[in-house]
Amino acid sequence: MGERWRLLLIGATVLVVATSSVLVRHELLPLLSWNSDEAVHLFQADLILDGRLTADAALHDESFRPWLSGTRDGRVFLAYQPGVPLLLALSQLLTGSTTPILVTVAGGLVWATYGAASALWGDRRVAAWSAALVGLSPIVLLHAGLHLGYLPAATALFAALWAALRAAERRSAAVFVGAGAALGAAVLMRPFDALLFALAIAPLVLVRARRADHGVGPTWWVRPIAFAAVGALPAVALTAWFNARTTGDPLEFPITALGGPNTFGFGTRALMEGSDAVDYDIGLAVESLAWHLASVPWWMAGGLGLVLLAAWGLTRPGPVAERRTAAALVLLYPLGYVVWWATATASEWLDSFGPYYYLPSLVALALLGARGVVALGEVLPSRRAAGLVVVVLTVATLPAMPGALRWHEQVTDRFERIEAAVPDHLDDAIVVLDVDHVLFAHPYFANDPGLEDDVVFAVSDADVEALGERFPERTIYRLDVPAVDGTGAGLECVDGPGC
């Protein structure tokens, strides 16, 4: 594969991913997805644009409490680290929309994969196929249009791998700082993912650094660690500061401080106070692991064929440390997330969202699979045979997509019926929803940080009489959704000047 074809393949992949990002965001899921984490990230972005990290607990009290939130010292904080909300807020500030950052991050994953694969294998053919296999995977094409942290974190992680390997080869302090900064960006989004990634790639980076320095002196390893730490330090410091501002403890993350036993390990676990609990034991952990692993081929370009090619790519002759690193990345996320109870609840949505906790592993699988693709191309007798392999891999990619698309279309149909029940011309109104938390199940019904919009939304058990006394100028309605699919959704006026 010549340079022109490589660039064409990567460019076409970026175009496909960017197009998918726009289509998912605006056509498939215009009112967001069923995953309410999207709405939480967007509400955090609204807070940032409003100049704050937390909301006023006196305003957002039990009647208006958002999903995945906790309280401390009169403030309401949300579950997630500030990295993704900062990106969304920046995009809204500069363009008025979140779509540009979604497109940029999705395209960035393709290029980060290409760079990481090129630095890892030293073969641009493998790098180009790696980028294509990642960008054309159904899980990436879907998540490219979602306001979630999995894809942005993966982009930062593989950019970190790219930079770290190049820095080791060139003995470049500046590039090591850049690698640390990329890893720090991932810490601001998904700290556990960043930790697992650092553990997996550190041995190879140190091996490369030792080769470049010829292992001279007893402190040859200090240079890469020190400069990478300098790059990561601002993000780590920001993380500690954010934790202290939200939970009161620099080492306690907001997601573990929501009032429920939402921590790693086994036992009774729950997202937040009042949410459904899960008895997460070894048996459920193994079952969740099995379901996640079984779903992996369906969400990868090439399907099961890619898994077989990845096995070939791992076993064929080549640099040992590099193959071990790729294998470690493939294995470490499934093994690491065994102790995270939310994989059990995520198992229910594998057909719709894919094994998103394992996204870095899926990218690493593509790095190995691309090695197998190139090897297969070298042994096939003709271009026609190679073309047939491409067709087979393409067909193997398709089975997961129709079912997932239909499910998301049905969710959007439901959302549109319910959203239409609240007329655009409604003014000075409170709508009492049929859920226990704002942003949950109805992500399109979101409050502004100051509860100043024409329509604000309250939870199902809100005290209507108390709301009337607190907001005498507002008319209070109750949302009724009689059918699961949203059919017949409507408003009932229950109190206030408009009734």
Protein backbone atom coordinates (compact mmCIF):
# COMPACT_ATOMS: atom_id res chain seq x y z
CA MET A 1 0.00 0.00 0.00
CA GLY A 2 1.56 3.26 -1.15
CA GLU A 3 1.51 6.57 0.69
CA ARG A 4 -1.30 7.89 -1.48
CA TRP A 5 -3.53 4.91 -0.74
CA ARG A 6 -2.76 5.08 2.95
CA LEU A 7 -3.77 8.71 3.14
CA LEU A 8 -6.87 7.99 1.06
CA LEU A 9 -7.89 5.16 3.40
CA ILE A 10 -7.40 7.29 6.51
CA GLY A 11 -9.12 10.31 4.99
CA ALA A 12 -12.10 8.22 3.88
CA THR A 13 -12.33 6.71 7.37
CA VAL A 14 -12.28 10.15 9.01
CA LEU A 15 -15.00 11.30 6.61
CA VAL A 16 -17.17 8.28 7.45
CA VAL A 17 -16.71 8.79 11.19
CA ALA A 18 -17.43 12.52 10.97
CA THR A 19 -20.56 11.89 8.90
CA SER A 20 -21.72 9.24 11.37
CA SER A 21 -21.16 11.67 14.24
CA VAL A 22 -23.46 14.24 12.64
CA LEU A 23 -26.10 11.68 11.64
CA VAL A 24 -26.21 10.03 15.06
CA ARG A 25 -26.40 13.38 16.83
CA HIS A 26 -29.01 15.04 14.63
CA GLU A 27 -30.93 12.26 12.86
CA LEU A 28 -30.77 9.08 14.90
CA LEU A 29 -30.73 10.65 18.39
CA PRO A 30 -31.79 14.30 18.10
CA LEU A 31 -33.18 14.21 21.66
CA LEU A 32 -30.16 12.33 23.05
CA SER A 33 -29.94 8.62 23.77
CA TRP A 34 -31.45 6.43 26.46
CA ASN A 35 -28.16 6.72 28.35
CA SER A 36 -28.93 9.54 30.78
CA ASP A 37 -25.21 10.13 31.33
CA GLU A 38 -25.37 12.27 28.19
CA ALA A 39 -27.77 14.68 29.86
CA VAL A 40 -25.60 14.79 33.00
CA HIS A 41 -22.52 15.74 30.96
CA LEU A 42 -24.49 18.47 29.19
CA PHE A 43 -25.84 19.85 32.46
CA GLN A 44 -22.29 20.00 33.82
CA ALA A 45 -21.30 21.88 30.66
CA ASP A 46 -24.15 24.34 31.28
CA LEU A 47 -22.87 24.89 34.81
CA ILE A 48 -19.37 25.61 33.47
CA LEU A 49 -20.76 28.09 30.94
CA ASP A 50 -22.61 29.70 33.84
CA GLY A 51 -19.30 30.09 35.68
CA ARG A 52 -19.73 27.35 38.26
CA LEU A 53 -18.91 23.72 38.93
CA THR A 54 -21.87 22.96 41.19
CA ALA A 55 -25.50 24.01 41.47
CA ASP A 56 -27.27 25.74 44.35
CA ALA A 57 -28.87 23.03 46.52
CA ALA A 58 -31.52 25.51 47.67
CA LEU A 59 -32.66 25.85 44.06
CA HIS A 60 -32.09 22.29 42.93
CA ASP A 61 -33.58 20.74 46.05
CA GLU A 62 -35.38 17.41 46.27
CA SER A 63 -38.06 18.70 43.89
CA PHE A 64 -35.55 19.44 41.12
CA ARG A 65 -32.67 17.08 41.96
CA PRO A 66 -30.73 15.98 38.85
CA TRP A 67 -29.82 12.40 38.08
CA LEU A 68 -26.38 11.26 39.31
CA SER A 69 -25.99 14.11 41.76
CA GLY A 70 -25.02 14.50 45.40
CA THR A 71 -25.00 17.35 47.88
CA ARG A 72 -22.36 18.90 50.11
CA ASP A 73 -22.28 22.21 51.96
CA GLY A 74 -25.35 23.57 50.23
CA ARG A 75 -24.17 22.68 46.73
CA VAL A 76 -25.28 20.01 44.26
CA PHE A 77 -22.45 18.26 42.44
CA LEU A 78 -22.64 15.89 39.49
CA ALA A 79 -20.99 12.50 39.12
CA TYR A 80 -18.45 13.02 36.38
CA GLN A 81 -14.99 14.50 36.11
CA PRO A 82 -14.78 17.86 34.32
CA GLY A 83 -12.94 16.78 31.15
CA VAL A 84 -15.89 15.99 28.89
CA PRO A 85 -18.09 18.84 30.21
CA LEU A 86 -15.20 21.25 29.56
CA LEU A 87 -14.96 20.07 25.95
CA LEU A 88 -18.71 20.40 25.47
CA ALA A 89 -18.77 23.83 27.09
CA LEU A 90 -15.88 25.03 24.91
CA SER A 91 -17.64 23.82 21.77
CA GLN A 92 -20.87 25.55 22.77
CA LEU A 93 -19.01 28.74 23.63
CA LEU A 94 -17.15 28.87 20.31
CA THR A 95 -19.79 27.50 17.93
CA GLY A 96 -23.11 27.39 19.78
CA SER A 97 -23.27 23.61 19.33
CA THR A 98 -21.68 20.45 20.69
CA THR A 99 -21.53 18.81 17.26
CA PRO A 100 -18.11 20.26 16.27
CA ILE A 101 -16.36 18.76 19.30
CA LEU A 102 -18.05 15.39 18.74
CA VAL A 103 -16.82 15.35 15.14
CA THR A 104 -13.34 16.52 16.14
CA VAL A 105 -12.92 13.90 18.85
CA ALA A 106 -14.19 11.09 16.62
CA GLY A 107 -11.84 12.05 13.81
CA GLY A 108 -9.09 12.48 16.37
CA LEU A 109 -9.46 8.85 17.45
CA VAL A 110 -8.79 7.72 13.88
CA TRP A 111 -5.60 9.79 13.68
CA ALA A 112 -4.50 8.85 17.20
CA THR A 113 -4.93 5.19 16.30
CA TYR A 114 -2.88 5.67 13.14
CA GLY A 115 -0.11 7.43 15.04
CA ALA A 116 -0.07 4.91 17.89
CA ALA A 117 -0.01 1.95 15.50
CA SER A 118 2.75 3.51 13.40
CA ALA A 119 4.86 4.17 16.50
CA LEU A 120 4.11 0.72 17.91
CA TRP A 121 4.71 -1.45 14.84
CA GLY A 122 6.90 0.78 12.69
CA ASP A 123 4.75 -0.12 9.67
CA ARG A 124 2.49 2.49 8.08
CA ARG A 125 0.48 -0.17 6.27
CA VAL A 126 -0.50 -1.69 9.60
CA ALA A 127 -1.14 1.80 10.98
CA ALA A 128 -3.51 2.69 8.14
CA TRP A 129 -5.47 -0.54 8.54
CA SER A 130 -5.59 -0.01 12.31
CA ALA A 131 -7.14 3.43 11.83
CA ALA A 132 -9.66 2.09 9.34
CA LEU A 133 -10.66 -0.87 11.51
CA VAL A 134 -11.21 1.41 14.50
CA GLY A 135 -13.04 4.16 12.63
CA LEU A 136 -15.36 1.75 10.81
CA SER A 137 -16.29 -0.22 13.93
CA PRO A 138 -19.97 0.09 14.87
CA ILE A 139 -19.16 1.07 18.45
CA VAL A 140 -17.11 4.05 17.25
CA LEU A 141 -19.66 5.05 14.60
CA LEU A 142 -22.36 5.14 17.30
CA HIS A 143 -20.40 6.76 20.12
CA ALA A 144 -19.10 9.40 17.71
CA GLY A 145 -22.47 11.12 18.14
CA LEU A 146 -22.91 10.63 21.91
CA HIS A 147 -22.01 13.06 24.69
CA LEU A 148 -20.20 10.38 26.69
CA GLY A 149 -16.64 10.04 27.91
CA TYR A 150 -15.57 6.69 26.47
CA LEU A 151 -14.54 7.83 23.00
CA PRO A 152 -12.84 11.11 24.05
CA ALA A 153 -10.86 9.22 26.70
CA ALA A 154 -9.75 6.60 24.17
CA THR A 155 -8.64 9.38 21.81
CA ALA A 156 -6.50 10.94 24.55
CA LEU A 157 -5.06 7.57 25.60
CA PHE A 158 -3.88 6.51 22.16
CA ALA A 159 -2.54 9.99 21.50
CA ALA A 160 -0.54 9.48 24.71
CA LEU A 161 0.79 6.15 23.44
CA TRP A 162 1.77 7.72 20.12
CA ALA A 163 3.60 10.58 21.82
CA ALA A 164 5.27 8.40 24.47
CA LEU A 165 6.74 5.97 21.95
CA ARG A 166 7.98 8.77 19.69
CA ALA A 167 9.45 10.58 22.68
CA ALA A 168 11.31 7.44 23.76
CA GLU A 169 12.76 6.94 20.28
CA ARG A 170 13.83 10.56 19.87
CA ARG A 171 14.82 11.15 23.50
CA SER A 172 12.58 14.21 23.39
CA ALA A 173 11.67 15.83 26.69
CA ALA A 174 9.04 18.02 25.03
CA VAL A 175 7.25 15.07 23.46
CA PHE A 176 7.33 13.21 26.78
CA VAL A 177 5.63 16.23 28.32
CA GLY A 178 3.03 16.05 25.55
CA ALA A 179 2.47 12.35 26.24
CA GLY A 180 1.94 13.12 29.90
CA ALA A 181 -0.50 15.91 29.00
CA ALA A 182 -2.53 13.53 26.82
CA LEU A 183 -2.63 10.97 29.61
CA GLY A 184 -3.64 13.74 31.99
CA ALA A 185 -6.50 14.68 29.67
CA ALA A 186 -7.75 11.10 29.98
CA VAL A 187 -7.50 11.40 33.78
CA LEU A 188 -9.86 14.38 33.54
CA MET A 189 -12.37 12.17 31.75
CA ARG A 190 -11.96 8.56 32.90
CA PRO A 191 -9.30 8.21 35.61
CA PHE A 192 -9.53 4.42 35.91
CA ASP A 193 -9.08 4.00 32.17
CA ALA A 194 -5.99 6.21 32.34
CA LEU A 195 -4.55 4.17 35.20
CA LEU A 196 -5.02 0.86 33.37
CA PHE A 197 -3.54 2.33 30.20
CA ALA A 198 -0.47 3.67 31.97
CA LEU A 199 0.14 0.28 33.58
CA ALA A 200 -0.08 -1.44 30.20
CA ILE A 201 2.20 0.85 28.19
CA ALA A 202 4.79 1.87 30.80
CA PRO A 203 7.04 -1.22 30.36
CA LEU A 204 7.27 -0.74 26.58
CA VAL A 205 7.95 2.99 26.88
CA LEU A 206 10.75 2.29 29.32
CA VAL A 207 12.16 -0.43 27.05
CA ARG A 208 12.20 2.02 24.14
CA ALA A 209 13.75 4.71 26.32
CA ARG A 210 16.47 2.33 27.48
CA ARG A 211 17.28 1.35 23.90
CA ALA A 212 17.55 5.00 22.87
CA ASP A 213 19.78 5.83 25.85
CA HIS A 214 21.67 2.56 25.48
CA GLY A 215 20.83 1.86 29.15
CA VAL A 216 23.64 4.16 30.26
CA GLY A 217 23.74 4.83 34.00
CA PRO A 218 21.46 3.65 36.78
CA THR A 219 18.92 6.45 36.30
CA TRP A 220 18.14 6.14 32.58
CA TRP A 221 14.47 5.57 33.47
CA VAL A 222 14.14 8.86 35.37
CA ARG A 223 13.96 11.04 32.26
CA PRO A 224 10.79 9.59 30.65
CA ILE A 225 8.94 9.30 33.96
CA ALA A 226 9.88 12.80 35.12
CA PHE A 227 8.94 14.63 31.92
CA ALA A 228 5.72 12.64 31.46
CA ALA A 229 4.82 13.49 35.06
CA VAL A 230 5.41 17.19 34.33
CA GLY A 231 2.94 16.97 31.44
CA ALA A 232 0.32 15.12 33.48
CA LEU A 233 0.69 17.26 36.60
CA PRO A 234 -1.73 20.10 35.62
CA ALA A 235 -4.53 17.65 34.87
CA VAL A 236 -3.87 15.61 38.01
CA ALA A 237 -3.84 18.82 40.08
CA LEU A 238 -7.08 19.97 38.44
CA THR A 239 -8.63 16.59 39.21
CA ALA A 240 -7.64 16.83 42.88
CA TRP A 241 -8.92 20.43 43.05
CA PHE A 242 -12.21 19.44 41.40
CA ASN A 243 -12.65 16.54 43.81
CA ALA A 244 -11.96 18.82 46.77
CA ARG A 245 -14.47 21.40 45.51
CA THR A 246 -17.19 18.80 45.01
CA THR A 247 -16.68 16.06 47.61
CA GLY A 248 -14.42 17.86 50.10
CA ASP A 249 -11.62 15.33 49.62
CA PRO A 250 -8.99 15.60 46.83
CA LEU A 251 -8.82 11.81 46.66
CA GLU A 252 -12.57 11.12 46.61
CA PHE A 253 -14.19 11.24 43.20
CA PRO A 254 -17.73 12.60 42.87
CA ILE A 255 -19.07 9.38 41.36
CA THR A 256 -18.27 7.55 44.62
CA ALA A 257 -19.86 10.24 46.82
CA LEU A 258 -23.47 10.26 45.62
CA GLY A 259 -24.88 8.62 48.73
CA GLY A 260 -24.98 5.05 47.44
CA PRO A 261 -22.30 2.36 47.79
CA ASN A 262 -20.93 3.19 44.33
CA THR A 263 -17.39 1.82 44.60
CA PHE A 264 -15.12 -0.86 43.21
CA GLY A 265 -15.25 -4.35 44.64
CA PHE A 266 -18.01 -6.78 45.55
CA GLY A 267 -21.11 -6.54 47.69
CA THR A 268 -24.23 -4.37 47.60
CA ARG A 269 -23.75 -1.53 45.13
CA ALA A 270 -25.92 1.36 43.92
CA LEU A 271 -25.38 4.47 41.82
CA MET A 272 -26.74 6.95 44.34
CA GLU A 273 -28.96 7.28 47.36
CA GLY A 274 -32.40 5.87 46.60
CA SER A 275 -31.43 4.09 43.37
CA ASP A 276 -31.83 0.37 42.83
CA ALA A 277 -29.16 -1.74 44.50
CA VAL A 278 -27.26 -4.63 42.92
CA ASP A 279 -25.76 -7.54 44.84
CA TYR A 280 -22.53 -7.76 42.91
CA ASP A 281 -20.72 -10.99 43.66
CA ILE A 282 -18.11 -13.09 41.86
CA GLY A 283 -20.74 -15.02 39.95
CA LEU A 284 -22.38 -11.88 38.57
CA ALA A 285 -18.96 -10.43 37.77
CA VAL A 286 -18.01 -13.51 35.71
CA GLU A 287 -21.40 -13.50 33.99
CA SER A 288 -21.04 -9.81 33.10
CA LEU A 289 -17.52 -10.42 31.82
CA ALA A 290 -18.75 -13.26 29.61
CA TRP A 291 -21.58 -11.17 28.14
CA HIS A 292 -19.22 -8.29 27.42
CA LEU A 293 -16.60 -10.49 25.77
CA ALA A 294 -19.23 -12.23 23.66
CA SER A 295 -20.45 -8.85 22.36
CA VAL A 296 -17.01 -7.61 21.28
CA PRO A 297 -16.94 -9.14 17.76
CA TRP A 298 -20.35 -7.71 16.91
CA TRP A 299 -19.18 -4.16 17.61
CA MET A 300 -15.87 -4.34 15.74
CA ALA A 301 -15.18 -3.83 12.04
CA GLY A 302 -14.66 -7.31 10.66
CA GLY A 303 -16.56 -9.03 13.44
CA LEU A 304 -15.26 -12.45 14.40
CA GLY A 305 -12.90 -12.31 11.42
CA LEU A 306 -11.07 -9.43 13.04
CA VAL A 307 -10.68 -11.39 16.27
CA LEU A 308 -9.10 -14.26 14.33
CA LEU A 309 -6.82 -11.87 12.45
CA ALA A 310 -5.84 -10.26 15.77
CA ALA A 311 -4.85 -13.67 17.11
CA TRP A 312 -2.72 -14.17 14.00
CA GLY A 313 -1.25 -10.70 14.37
CA LEU A 314 -0.30 -11.49 17.95
CA THR A 315 1.41 -14.81 17.19
CA ARG A 316 3.25 -14.00 13.97
CA PRO A 317 6.95 -13.12 14.33
CA GLY A 318 7.82 -9.58 15.32
CA PRO A 319 8.87 -7.38 18.21
CA VAL A 320 8.04 -9.17 21.46
CA ALA A 321 7.62 -6.17 23.78
CA GLU A 322 5.26 -4.47 21.33
CA ARG A 323 3.08 -7.56 20.95
CA ARG A 324 2.95 -7.99 24.71
CA THR A 325 1.87 -4.37 25.13
CA ALA A 326 -0.95 -4.73 22.60
CA ALA A 327 -2.06 -7.96 24.27
CA ALA A 328 -1.94 -6.28 27.69
CA LEU A 329 -4.19 -3.48 26.44
CA VAL A 330 -6.65 -6.02 25.02
CA LEU A 331 -6.82 -7.97 28.29
CA LEU A 332 -6.41 -5.34 30.98
CA TYR A 333 -9.77 -3.59 30.58
CA PRO A 334 -11.94 -6.73 30.72
CA LEU A 335 -9.94 -7.92 33.72
CA GLY A 336 -9.78 -4.51 35.39
CA TYR A 337 -13.50 -3.89 35.07
CA VAL A 338 -14.38 -7.20 36.71
CA VAL A 339 -14.33 -5.31 40.02
CA TRP A 340 -16.63 -2.54 38.73
CA TRP A 341 -20.22 -3.47 39.48
CA ALA A 342 -21.76 -1.26 36.78
CA THR A 343 -20.63 -3.78 34.14
CA ALA A 344 -23.58 -5.86 35.37
CA THR A 345 -26.09 -3.12 34.55
CA ALA A 346 -24.23 -2.29 31.33
CA SER A 347 -24.72 -5.90 30.22
CA GLU A 348 -28.40 -5.08 29.68
CA TRP A 349 -27.47 -2.49 27.04
CA LEU A 350 -24.75 -4.31 25.11
CA ASP A 351 -27.00 -4.76 22.07
CA SER A 352 -27.68 -1.02 22.00
CA PHE A 353 -24.44 0.68 23.09
CA GLY A 354 -21.78 -2.01 22.84
CA PRO A 355 -19.11 -2.93 25.41
CA TYR A 356 -18.11 0.69 25.97
CA TYR A 357 -16.12 0.02 29.13
CA TYR A 358 -13.73 -1.97 26.95
CA LEU A 359 -13.27 0.63 24.20
CA PRO A 360 -9.47 0.98 24.66
CA SER A 361 -9.22 -2.82 24.44
CA LEU A 362 -11.19 -2.79 21.20
CA VAL A 363 -8.80 -0.24 19.72
CA ALA A 364 -5.85 -2.42 20.78
CA LEU A 365 -7.59 -5.42 19.21
CA ALA A 366 -7.70 -3.48 15.95
CA LEU A 367 -3.95 -2.79 16.25
CA LEU A 368 -3.36 -6.54 16.33
CA GLY A 369 -6.02 -7.24 13.72
CA ALA A 370 -4.41 -4.81 11.28
CA ARG A 371 -1.17 -6.75 11.65
CA GLY A 372 -3.09 -9.85 10.64
CA VAL A 373 -4.71 -8.05 7.69
CA VAL A 374 -1.33 -7.01 6.30
CA ALA A 375 0.06 -10.51 6.82
CA LEU A 376 -2.93 -11.99 5.02
CA GLY A 377 -2.42 -9.59 2.12
CA GLU A 378 1.17 -10.78 1.81
CA VAL A 379 0.20 -14.44 1.45
CA LEU A 380 -2.87 -14.10 -0.77
CA PRO A 381 -2.14 -14.91 -4.41
CA SER A 382 -3.93 -11.97 -6.01
CA ARG A 383 -5.62 -8.65 -5.45
CA ARG A 384 -8.93 -10.32 -6.23
CA ALA A 385 -8.49 -12.62 -3.26
CA ALA A 386 -7.56 -9.67 -1.07
CA GLY A 387 -10.68 -7.86 -2.24
CA LEU A 388 -12.76 -10.91 -1.31
CA VAL A 389 -11.30 -10.79 2.22
CA VAL A 390 -12.28 -7.12 2.50
CA VAL A 391 -15.82 -7.98 1.40
CA VAL A 392 -16.04 -10.78 3.96
CA LEU A 393 -14.82 -8.48 6.75
CA THR A 394 -17.34 -5.84 5.67
CA VAL A 395 -20.22 -8.32 5.73
CA ALA A 396 -19.07 -9.55 9.16
CA THR A 397 -19.35 -5.98 10.45
CA LEU A 398 -23.02 -5.57 9.60
CA PRO A 399 -25.02 -7.93 11.87
CA ALA A 400 -24.99 -5.75 15.02
CA MET A 401 -25.96 -2.52 13.29
CA PRO A 402 -29.59 -3.00 12.12
CA GLY A 403 -30.84 -4.15 15.53
CA ALA A 404 -29.07 -1.34 17.37
CA LEU A 405 -30.29 1.27 14.89
CA ARG A 406 -33.90 0.05 15.18
CA TRP A 407 -33.73 0.18 18.97
CA HIS A 408 -32.39 3.73 18.98
CA GLU A 409 -35.01 4.78 16.43
CA GLN A 410 -37.73 3.41 18.71
CA VAL A 411 -36.27 5.34 21.65
CA THR A 412 -36.26 8.53 19.59
CA ASP A 413 -39.89 7.93 18.53
CA ARG A 414 -40.83 7.59 22.21
CA PHE A 415 -38.88 10.69 23.17
CA GLU A 416 -40.47 12.75 20.41
CA ARG A 417 -44.01 11.77 21.48
CA ILE A 418 -43.30 12.72 25.09
CA GLU A 419 -41.41 15.91 24.26
CA ALA A 420 -44.29 17.04 22.05
CA ALA A 421 -46.57 16.89 25.08
CA VAL A 422 -44.87 20.03 26.40
CA PRO A 423 -45.81 22.80 23.92
CA ASP A 424 -43.13 25.24 22.80
CA HIS A 425 -45.35 28.19 23.70
CA LEU A 426 -45.63 27.15 27.35
CA ASP A 427 -44.49 30.02 29.60
CA ASP A 428 -43.90 30.46 33.34
CA ALA A 429 -44.54 26.78 33.92
CA ILE A 430 -43.35 23.89 36.07
CA VAL A 431 -43.80 20.43 34.62
CA VAL A 432 -43.82 17.61 37.17
CA LEU A 433 -42.30 14.59 35.44
CA ASP A 434 -43.03 10.89 35.97
CA VAL A 435 -39.49 10.10 37.19
CA ASP A 436 -37.55 10.37 40.46
CA HIS A 437 -34.76 12.58 39.07
CA VAL A 438 -34.58 15.31 36.45
CA LEU A 439 -32.48 14.23 33.42
CA PHE A 440 -33.34 10.55 33.97
CA ALA A 441 -35.38 8.80 31.22
CA HIS A 442 -36.28 12.23 29.76
CA PRO A 443 -32.86 13.73 28.90
CA TYR A 444 -34.44 16.42 26.74
CA PHE A 445 -36.28 17.85 29.78
CA ALA A 446 -33.33 19.61 31.42
CA ASN A 447 -33.28 22.57 33.78
CA ASP A 448 -30.93 25.51 33.47
CA PRO A 449 -28.57 26.14 36.44
CA GLY A 450 -30.66 29.03 37.76
CA LEU A 451 -34.15 27.56 37.16
CA GLU A 452 -34.90 30.63 35.08
CA ASP A 453 -36.16 29.07 31.84
CA ASP A 454 -39.77 29.53 30.77
CA VAL A 455 -40.37 25.88 31.67
CA VAL A 456 -38.64 24.06 34.51
CA PHE A 457 -39.02 20.40 35.41
CA ALA A 458 -39.66 18.79 38.78
CA VAL A 459 -39.56 15.17 39.95
CA SER A 460 -42.61 12.97 40.37
CA ASP A 461 -42.86 13.20 44.18
CA ALA A 462 -42.48 16.98 44.31
CA ASP A 463 -44.93 18.68 46.66
CA VAL A 464 -47.21 20.60 44.29
CA GLU A 465 -48.59 22.84 47.05
CA ALA A 466 -45.09 23.78 48.17
CA LEU A 467 -44.05 24.44 44.57
CA GLY A 468 -47.05 26.75 44.17
CA GLU A 469 -46.04 28.75 47.23
CA ARG A 470 -42.41 28.91 46.13
CA PHE A 471 -43.21 29.85 42.51
CA PRO A 472 -46.58 31.68 42.67
CA GLU A 473 -46.13 33.12 39.18
CA ARG A 474 -45.74 29.71 37.55
CA THR A 475 -48.45 27.31 36.44
CA ILE A 476 -47.83 23.73 37.51
CA TYR A 477 -48.55 20.83 35.17
CA ARG A 478 -48.13 17.10 35.63
CA LEU A 479 -46.81 14.97 32.78
CA ASP A 480 -48.84 11.85 32.08
CA VAL A 481 -47.27 9.08 29.96
CA PRO A 482 -49.87 6.28 29.83
CA ALA A 483 -48.04 4.05 27.32
CA VAL A 484 -44.48 2.72 27.38
CA ASP A 485 -43.85 3.95 23.83
CA GLY A 486 -44.92 7.48 24.77
CA THR A 487 -48.27 7.31 22.98
CA GLY A 488 -50.89 9.54 24.59
CA ALA A 489 -48.44 11.61 26.59
CA GLY A 490 -49.98 14.83 27.79
CA LEU A 491 -50.09 17.53 30.45
CA GLU A 492 -52.59 18.01 33.25
CA CYS A 493 -52.81 21.45 34.81
CA VAL A 494 -52.79 20.98 38.60
CA ASP A 495 -52.06 24.37 40.20
CA GLY A 496 -51.22 28.00 39.52
CA PRO A 497 -52.56 30.99 37.63
CA GLY A 498 -52.96 29.15 34.31
CA CYS A 499 -55.30 26.43 35.60
